[in-house]
Each structure stands twice: as C-alpha cells, then as structure tokens.
C-alpha cells in the first residue's frame, strides 16, 4: 500500500498566502513603513489617507494581528 503524499510545505504556505492575502494591502503597509506616516504613504500611493487607514485595517484583520500601534504623530 502506498503512503499518502505529503504536500510540499513551501507550496502550501504560498497557496495559503495567495488565497488569503491581498497583496495590494501588503504593498500599502510597506509604503507606510517606508514613508513613516499614513499621510505621506497616501500621497505616494496617490490615494486618500482614509483609504490607507482602511487598507491597513483590512490587512490587520486578514492577518489577525496589530501591525501598527496608533495613537500619536509617529508610527
């Protein structure tokens, strides 16, 4: 009797991320980090600050974690 095949864990991880993660949200998060503020990230991405904030919130919901602690002028 043949043993059941075990899926390649790297492929499974990529498949999980591709199915679950919106890469545009990740790009927005990266630009926030590069720019150091949501308003500068919004200007660089040519979207509103509200759209940046909403994208960050959706990414945090998808990953089920807090990515940026809000509450002051600096991120």
N, C-alpha and C. Protein backbone atom coordinates (compact mmCIF):
# COMPACT_ATOMS: atom_id res chain seq x y z
N UNK A 1 0.84 -1.18 0.00
CA UNK A 1 0.00 0.00 0.00
C UNK A 1 0.89 1.24 0.00
N UNK A 2 0.61 2.16 -0.88
CA UNK A 2 1.41 3.38 -0.99
C UNK A 2 1.04 4.34 0.12
N UNK A 3 2.06 5.04 0.60
CA UNK A 3 1.80 6.03 1.65
C UNK A 3 1.21 7.29 1.02
N UNK A 4 0.35 7.98 1.77
CA UNK A 4 -0.25 9.21 1.22
C UNK A 4 0.85 10.25 0.98
N UNK A 5 0.70 11.00 -0.09
CA UNK A 5 1.71 12.01 -0.37
C UNK A 5 1.54 13.19 0.58
N UNK A 6 2.66 13.73 0.97
CA UNK A 6 2.67 14.89 1.86
C UNK A 6 2.95 16.11 0.99
N UNK A 7 2.10 17.14 1.05
CA UNK A 7 2.32 18.31 0.22
C UNK A 7 3.59 19.06 0.64
N UNK A 8 4.23 19.66 -0.32
CA UNK A 8 5.40 20.48 -0.06
C UNK A 8 4.97 21.67 0.80
N UNK A 9 5.60 21.84 1.96
CA UNK A 9 5.16 22.89 2.89
C UNK A 9 5.37 24.29 2.32
N UNK A 10 6.42 24.48 1.51
CA UNK A 10 6.63 25.80 0.92
C UNK A 10 5.47 26.13 -0.02
N UNK A 11 5.05 25.17 -0.83
CA UNK A 11 3.94 25.39 -1.74
C UNK A 11 2.66 25.64 -0.96
N UNK A 12 2.43 24.88 0.08
CA UNK A 12 1.23 25.04 0.89
C UNK A 12 1.21 26.44 1.49
N UNK A 13 2.35 26.90 2.00
CA UNK A 13 2.42 28.25 2.58
C UNK A 13 2.13 29.32 1.56
N UNK A 14 2.69 29.18 0.36
CA UNK A 14 2.42 30.15 -0.70
C UNK A 14 0.96 30.13 -1.11
N UNK A 15 0.41 28.94 -1.22
CA UNK A 15 -1.00 28.81 -1.61
C UNK A 15 -1.89 29.48 -0.55
N UNK A 16 -1.56 29.26 0.71
CA UNK A 16 -2.31 29.86 1.81
C UNK A 16 -2.25 31.38 1.70
N UNK A 17 -1.05 31.93 1.50
CA UNK A 17 -0.91 33.38 1.41
C UNK A 17 -1.62 33.93 0.18
N UNK A 18 -1.49 33.25 -0.95
CA UNK A 18 -2.13 33.73 -2.16
C UNK A 18 -3.65 33.70 -2.03
N UNK A 19 -4.18 32.71 -1.35
CA UNK A 19 -5.63 32.61 -1.18
C UNK A 19 -6.14 33.61 -0.14
N UNK A 20 -5.33 33.94 0.83
CA UNK A 20 -5.80 34.70 1.98
C UNK A 20 -5.38 36.16 1.96
N UNK A 21 -4.25 36.47 1.36
CA UNK A 21 -3.67 37.79 1.49
C UNK A 21 -3.88 38.63 0.24
N UNK A 22 -4.34 39.84 0.44
CA UNK A 22 -4.47 40.80 -0.65
C UNK A 22 -3.13 41.54 -0.75
N UNK A 23 -2.42 41.31 -1.84
CA UNK A 23 -1.07 41.85 -1.98
C UNK A 23 -1.06 43.37 -2.08
N UNK A 24 -2.14 43.99 -2.53
CA UNK A 24 -2.21 45.46 -2.55
C UNK A 24 -2.22 46.02 -1.13
N UNK A 25 -2.84 45.30 -0.22
CA UNK A 25 -2.84 45.74 1.18
C UNK A 25 -1.43 45.66 1.75
N UNK A 26 -0.72 44.60 1.40
CA UNK A 26 0.65 44.45 1.87
C UNK A 26 1.54 45.57 1.31
N UNK A 27 1.34 45.90 0.05
CA UNK A 27 2.11 47.00 -0.56
C UNK A 27 1.84 48.30 0.19
N UNK A 28 0.59 48.56 0.52
CA UNK A 28 0.25 49.77 1.27
C UNK A 28 0.96 49.78 2.62
N UNK A 29 0.98 48.65 3.30
CA UNK A 29 1.67 48.54 4.59
C UNK A 29 3.16 48.83 4.44
N UNK A 30 3.78 48.30 3.40
CA UNK A 30 5.20 48.53 3.18
C UNK A 30 5.50 50.00 2.93
N UNK A 31 4.63 50.67 2.17
CA UNK A 31 4.84 52.09 1.90
C UNK A 31 4.65 52.91 3.17
N UNK A 32 3.70 52.53 4.02
CA UNK A 32 3.53 53.21 5.31
C UNK A 32 4.85 53.13 6.09
N UNK A 33 5.44 51.95 6.13
CA UNK A 33 6.71 51.79 6.84
C UNK A 33 7.84 52.59 6.21
N UNK A 34 7.90 52.61 4.90
CA UNK A 34 8.95 53.36 4.21
C UNK A 34 8.80 54.86 4.42
N UNK A 35 7.57 55.34 4.39
CA UNK A 35 7.32 56.77 4.50
C UNK A 35 7.25 57.26 5.94
N UNK A 36 6.91 56.37 6.86
CA UNK A 36 6.85 56.75 8.27
C UNK A 36 5.56 57.42 8.70
N UNK A 37 4.63 57.58 7.79
CA UNK A 37 3.33 58.15 8.16
C UNK A 37 2.29 57.74 7.13
N UNK A 38 1.05 57.71 7.58
CA UNK A 38 -0.04 57.33 6.68
C UNK A 38 -0.30 58.43 5.65
N UNK A 39 -0.16 59.68 6.04
CA UNK A 39 -0.43 60.76 5.09
C UNK A 39 0.61 60.79 3.97
N UNK A 40 1.89 60.57 4.30
CA UNK A 40 2.91 60.53 3.26
C UNK A 40 2.76 59.28 2.39
N UNK A 41 2.35 58.17 3.01
CA UNK A 41 2.09 56.95 2.23
C UNK A 41 0.94 57.19 1.26
N UNK A 42 -0.10 57.87 1.72
CA UNK A 42 -1.24 58.17 0.86
C UNK A 42 -0.81 59.03 -0.33
N UNK A 43 0.02 60.01 -0.07
CA UNK A 43 0.49 60.88 -1.16
C UNK A 43 1.31 60.08 -2.16
N UNK A 44 2.16 59.20 -1.67
CA UNK A 44 3.00 58.40 -2.57
C UNK A 44 2.17 57.42 -3.39
N UNK A 45 1.12 56.86 -2.78
CA UNK A 45 0.27 55.89 -3.47
C UNK A 45 -0.83 56.55 -4.29
N UNK A 46 -0.97 57.88 -4.16
CA UNK A 46 -2.00 58.64 -4.87
C UNK A 46 -3.40 58.18 -4.47
N UNK A 47 -3.58 57.98 -3.17
CA UNK A 47 -4.89 57.65 -2.61
C UNK A 47 -5.09 58.50 -1.36
N UNK A 48 -6.29 58.49 -0.81
CA UNK A 48 -6.56 59.30 0.38
C UNK A 48 -5.98 58.64 1.62
N UNK A 49 -5.79 59.46 2.65
CA UNK A 49 -5.30 58.93 3.93
C UNK A 49 -6.31 57.94 4.51
N UNK A 50 -7.58 58.21 4.30
CA UNK A 50 -8.63 57.30 4.75
C UNK A 50 -8.50 55.93 4.08
N UNK A 51 -8.19 55.92 2.79
CA UNK A 51 -8.02 54.65 2.07
C UNK A 51 -6.82 53.87 2.60
N UNK A 52 -5.75 54.58 2.95
CA UNK A 52 -4.58 53.93 3.54
C UNK A 52 -4.95 53.31 4.88
N UNK A 53 -5.65 54.06 5.70
CA UNK A 53 -6.07 53.57 7.01
C UNK A 53 -6.98 52.35 6.89
N UNK A 54 -7.91 52.39 5.95
CA UNK A 54 -8.81 51.26 5.73
C UNK A 54 -8.06 50.04 5.21
N UNK A 55 -7.08 50.26 4.35
CA UNK A 55 -6.28 49.14 3.83
C UNK A 55 -5.49 48.49 4.96
N UNK A 56 -4.92 49.31 5.83
CA UNK A 56 -4.16 48.78 6.96
C UNK A 56 -5.09 47.98 7.88
N UNK A 57 -6.27 48.50 8.14
CA UNK A 57 -7.23 47.79 8.99
C UNK A 57 -7.61 46.44 8.38
N UNK A 58 -7.85 46.41 7.06
CA UNK A 58 -8.21 45.15 6.40
C UNK A 58 -7.06 44.15 6.45
N UNK A 59 -5.83 44.63 6.27
CA UNK A 59 -4.67 43.73 6.35
C UNK A 59 -4.53 43.17 7.76
N UNK A 60 -4.71 44.00 8.76
CA UNK A 60 -4.65 43.53 10.15
C UNK A 60 -5.74 42.49 10.41
N UNK A 61 -6.91 42.69 9.85
CA UNK A 61 -7.99 41.71 10.01
C UNK A 61 -7.65 40.40 9.31
N UNK A 62 -7.08 40.48 8.11
CA UNK A 62 -6.70 39.27 7.38
C UNK A 62 -5.64 38.47 8.12
N UNK A 63 -4.68 39.18 8.72
CA UNK A 63 -3.58 38.51 9.43
C UNK A 63 -3.90 38.25 10.90
N UNK A 64 -5.00 38.83 11.38
CA UNK A 64 -5.45 38.69 12.76
C UNK A 64 -4.37 39.14 13.74
N UNK A 65 -3.81 40.35 13.49
CA UNK A 65 -2.83 40.93 14.40
C UNK A 65 -2.76 42.44 14.18
N UNK A 66 -2.20 43.12 15.16
CA UNK A 66 -1.98 44.56 15.04
C UNK A 66 -0.62 44.77 14.42
N UNK A 67 -0.56 45.52 13.32
CA UNK A 67 0.69 45.77 12.63
C UNK A 67 1.31 47.10 13.02
N UNK A 68 0.47 48.08 13.30
CA UNK A 68 0.96 49.41 13.68
C UNK A 68 0.15 49.88 14.88
N UNK A 69 0.85 50.32 15.91
CA UNK A 69 0.18 50.85 17.10
C UNK A 69 -0.10 52.32 16.81
N UNK A 70 -1.36 52.67 16.81
CA UNK A 70 -1.76 54.05 16.52
C UNK A 70 -1.90 54.82 17.81
N UNK A 71 -1.88 56.14 17.68
CA UNK A 71 -2.14 56.94 18.87
C UNK A 71 -1.23 58.13 19.01
N UNK A 72 -0.45 58.43 18.03
CA UNK A 72 0.42 59.59 18.09
C UNK A 72 0.86 60.00 16.73
N UNK A 73 1.65 61.06 16.67
CA UNK A 73 2.11 61.55 15.36
C UNK A 73 3.06 60.57 14.67
N UNK A 74 3.84 59.83 15.43
CA UNK A 74 4.79 58.89 14.83
C UNK A 74 4.21 57.48 14.86
N UNK A 75 4.49 56.73 13.81
CA UNK A 75 4.00 55.33 13.76
C UNK A 75 4.99 54.43 14.43
